[in-house]
């Protein structure tokens, strides 16, 4: 079981994750949606396509653009099973894709717990 934790809260956990480029992608259904807010931020990866971001909000603290996902990866090889999955930085996952407020990857990504 993989878990993404930020600010002491589990924000995602699943046995069905995909790791691509060192990021762990979680199924959308595994997210604790009460902690995520949509963001207007996007970015473009030449292989994966357009990423859309979400902000984590826990106990009054925002982790801006902490998690991302690709609705439609731009090339079949880039999909690698991540279509519709969420990644993040900062909580070490939600890829470790949930980014910490400092911009560093989270130290508390857990697998096999």
C-alpha atoms as a PDB file:
ATOM      1  CA  UNK A   1       0.000   0.000   0.000  1.00  0.00           C
ATOM      2  CA  UNK A   2       1.349   3.429  -0.958  1.00  0.00           C
ATOM      3  CA  UNK A   3       0.408   6.532   1.036  1.00  0.00           C
ATOM      4  CA  UNK A   4       0.852  10.254   0.446  1.00  0.00           C
ATOM      5  CA  UNK A   5       0.989  12.302   3.652  1.00  0.00           C
ATOM      6  CA  UNK A   6       1.171  16.061   4.079  1.00  0.00           C
ATOM      7  CA  UNK A   7       0.841  18.026   7.322  1.00  0.00           C
ATOM      8  CA  UNK A   8       0.261  14.779   9.186  1.00  0.00           C
ATOM      9  CA  UNK A   9      -2.772  13.794   7.101  1.00  0.00           C
ATOM     10  CA  UNK A  10      -3.055  10.951   4.626  1.00  0.00           C
ATOM     11  CA  UNK A  11      -4.100  12.638   1.374  1.00  0.00           C
ATOM     12  CA  UNK A  12      -4.053   9.498  -0.800  1.00  0.00           C
ATOM     13  CA  UNK A  13      -3.468   5.777  -0.390  1.00  0.00           C
ATOM     14  CA  UNK A  14      -3.746   2.876  -2.764  1.00  0.00           C
ATOM     15  CA  UNK A  15      -2.354  -0.511  -3.691  1.00  0.00           C
ATOM     16  CA  UNK A  16      -2.747   0.422  -7.373  1.00  0.00           C
ATOM     17  CA  UNK A  17      -0.155   3.120  -8.041  1.00  0.00           C
ATOM     18  CA  UNK A  18       2.047   3.674 -11.093  1.00  0.00           C
ATOM     19  CA  UNK A  19       5.617   5.013 -10.871  1.00  0.00           C
ATOM     20  CA  UNK A  20       6.887   7.097 -13.799  1.00  0.00           C
ATOM     21  CA  UNK A  21      10.055   9.219 -13.737  1.00  0.00           C
ATOM     22  CA  UNK A  22      10.354   8.709  -9.977  1.00  0.00           C
ATOM     23  CA  UNK A  23       6.839  10.010  -9.311  1.00  0.00           C
ATOM     24  CA  UNK A  24       4.152   7.801  -7.797  1.00  0.00           C
ATOM     25  CA  UNK A  25       0.750   8.315  -9.411  1.00  0.00           C
ATOM     26  CA  UNK A  26      -2.392   7.509  -7.425  1.00  0.00           C
ATOM     27  CA  UNK A  27      -5.837   6.648  -8.815  1.00  0.00           C
ATOM     28  CA  UNK A  28      -8.250   9.552  -8.458  1.00  0.00           C
ATOM     29  CA  UNK A  29     -10.585   7.395  -6.364  1.00  0.00           C
ATOM     30  CA  UNK A  30      -7.833   6.994  -3.750  1.00  0.00           C
ATOM     31  CA  UNK A  31      -7.604  10.736  -3.012  1.00  0.00           C
ATOM     32  CA  UNK A  32      -9.017  12.283   0.120  1.00  0.00           C
ATOM     33  CA  UNK A  33     -10.836  14.916  -1.953  1.00  0.00           C
ATOM     34  CA  UNK A  34     -11.576  17.138   1.034  1.00  0.00           C
ATOM     35  CA  UNK A  35      -7.886  18.167   1.038  1.00  0.00           C
ATOM     36  CA  UNK A  36      -7.605  19.073  -2.676  1.00  0.00           C
ATOM     37  CA  UNK A  37      -8.640  22.276  -4.465  1.00  0.00           C
ATOM     38  CA  UNK A  38      -8.399  22.931  -8.202  1.00  0.00           C
ATOM     39  CA  UNK A  39      -5.668  25.277  -9.421  1.00  0.00           C
ATOM     40  CA  UNK A  40      -5.494  27.289 -12.629  1.00  0.00           C
ATOM     41  CA  UNK A  41      -1.820  26.321 -13.071  1.00  0.00           C
ATOM     42  CA  UNK A  42      -0.817  24.166 -16.030  1.00  0.00           C
ATOM     43  CA  UNK A  43       2.511  23.083 -17.480  1.00  0.00           C
ATOM     44  CA  UNK A  44       3.595  21.258 -20.599  1.00  0.00           C
ATOM     45  CA  UNK A  45       5.814  18.186 -20.716  1.00  0.00           C
ATOM     46  CA  UNK A  46       6.961  17.289 -24.242  1.00  0.00           C
ATOM     47  CA  UNK A  47       6.233  13.586 -23.679  1.00  0.00           C
ATOM     48  CA  UNK A  48       3.364  13.558 -21.216  1.00  0.00           C
ATOM     49  CA  UNK A  49       1.424  16.581 -22.429  1.00  0.00           C
ATOM     50  CA  UNK A  50      -0.380  19.206 -20.409  1.00  0.00           C
ATOM     51  CA  UNK A  51      -0.342  18.816 -16.629  1.00  0.00           C
ATOM     52  CA  UNK A  52      -3.075  20.329 -14.505  1.00  0.00           C
ATOM     53  CA  UNK A  53      -2.474  21.078 -10.853  1.00  0.00           C
ATOM     54  CA  UNK A  54      -4.283  20.918  -7.534  1.00  0.00           C
ATOM     55  CA  UNK A  55      -3.525  22.655  -4.248  1.00  0.00           C
ATOM     56  CA  UNK A  56      -3.570  20.846  -0.918  1.00  0.00           C
ATOM     57  CA  UNK A  57      -5.356  22.619   1.947  1.00  0.00           C
ATOM     58  CA  UNK A  58      -4.958  21.173   5.441  1.00  0.00           C
ATOM     59  CA  UNK A  59      -5.530  22.910   8.776  1.00  0.00           C
ATOM     60  CA  UNK A  60      -5.510  26.338   7.131  1.00  0.00           C
ATOM     61  CA  UNK A  61      -2.212  25.773   5.288  1.00  0.00           C
ATOM     62  CA  UNK A  62      -2.058  25.776   1.500  1.00  0.00           C
ATOM     63  CA  UNK A  63       0.431  23.691  -0.467  1.00  0.00           C
ATOM     64  CA  UNK A  64       0.067  25.455  -3.822  1.00  0.00           C
ATOM     65  CA  UNK A  65       0.116  23.292  -6.932  1.00  0.00           C
ATOM     66  CA  UNK A  66       1.235  20.334  -4.826  1.00  0.00           C
ATOM     67  CA  UNK A  67      -0.301  17.650  -7.032  1.00  0.00           C
ATOM     68  CA  UNK A  68      -0.722  17.203 -10.781  1.00  0.00           C
ATOM     69  CA  UNK A  69      -2.337  14.963 -13.335  1.00  0.00           C
ATOM     70  CA  UNK A  70      -2.498  14.440 -17.097  1.00  0.00           C
ATOM     71  CA  UNK A  71      -5.993  14.069 -18.502  1.00  0.00           C
ATOM     72  CA  UNK A  72      -4.689  13.030 -21.902  1.00  0.00           C
ATOM     73  CA  UNK A  73      -0.987  12.185 -22.198  1.00  0.00           C
ATOM     74  CA  UNK A  74       0.228  13.466 -25.554  1.00  0.00           C
ATOM     75  CA  UNK A  75       2.004  10.334 -26.785  1.00  0.00           C
ATOM     76  CA  UNK A  76       1.016   6.695 -26.280  1.00  0.00           C
ATOM     77  CA  UNK A  77       4.444   5.788 -24.846  1.00  0.00           C
ATOM     78  CA  UNK A  78       4.155   8.638 -22.364  1.00  0.00           C
ATOM     79  CA  UNK A  79       0.839   7.393 -21.023  1.00  0.00           C
ATOM     80  CA  UNK A  80       2.427   4.420 -19.242  1.00  0.00           C
ATOM     81  CA  UNK A  81      -0.805   3.976 -17.340  1.00  0.00           C
ATOM     82  CA  UNK A  82      -0.907   7.490 -15.830  1.00  0.00           C
ATOM     83  CA  UNK A  83      -3.994   8.737 -17.706  1.00  0.00           C
ATOM     84  CA  UNK A  84      -6.337  10.172 -15.086  1.00  0.00           C
ATOM     85  CA  UNK A  85      -3.990   9.400 -12.168  1.00  0.00           C
ATOM     86  CA  UNK A  86      -2.740  12.080  -9.773  1.00  0.00           C
ATOM     87  CA  UNK A  87       0.850  12.684  -8.732  1.00  0.00           C
ATOM     88  CA  UNK A  88       2.350  15.174  -6.289  1.00  0.00           C
ATOM     89  CA  UNK A  89       5.367  16.652  -4.541  1.00  0.00           C
ATOM     90  CA  UNK A  90       5.895  17.521  -0.926  1.00  0.00           C
ATOM     91  CA  UNK A  91       3.972  14.733   0.642  1.00  0.00           C
ATOM     92  CA  UNK A  92       6.140  12.410  -1.256  1.00  0.00           C
ATOM     93  CA  UNK A  93       3.466  11.157  -3.396  1.00  0.00           C
ATOM     94  CA  UNK A  94       0.263  12.252  -4.977  1.00  0.00           C
ATOM     95  CA  UNK A  95       3.434  11.308  -7.400  1.00  0.00           C
ATOM     96  CA  UNK A  96       5.711  11.344  -5.172  1.00  0.00           C
ATOM     97  CA  UNK A  97       3.709  13.742  -6.618  1.00  0.00           C
ATOM     98  CA  UNK A  98       2.782  16.142  -3.867  1.00  0.00           C
ATOM     99  CA  UNK A  99       5.207  19.038  -3.407  1.00  0.00           C
ATOM    100  CA  UNK A 100       5.971  20.437   0.032  1.00  0.00           C
ATOM    101  CA  UNK A 101       5.507  24.094   0.794  1.00  0.00           C
ATOM    102  CA  UNK A 102       9.278  24.523   0.494  1.00  0.00           C
ATOM    103  CA  UNK A 103       9.174  23.016  -2.992  1.00  0.00           C
ATOM    104  CA  UNK A 104      11.061  19.900  -1.883  1.00  0.00           C
ATOM    105  CA  UNK A 105       9.737  16.398  -2.197  1.00  0.00           C
ATOM    106  CA  UNK A 106       8.050  15.100   0.836  1.00  0.00           C
ATOM    107  CA  UNK A 107       9.930  12.884   3.177  1.00  0.00           C
ATOM    108  CA  UNK A 108       6.883  10.949   4.274  1.00  0.00           C
ATOM    109  CA  UNK A 109       5.883   8.905   1.267  1.00  0.00           C
ATOM    110  CA  UNK A 110       5.121   5.422   2.501  1.00  0.00           C
ATOM    111  CA  UNK A 111       4.911   2.197   0.557  1.00  0.00           C
ATOM    112  CA  UNK A 112       3.938  -1.196   1.877  1.00  0.00           C
ATOM    113  CA  UNK A 113       2.335   0.056   5.063  1.00  0.00           C
END
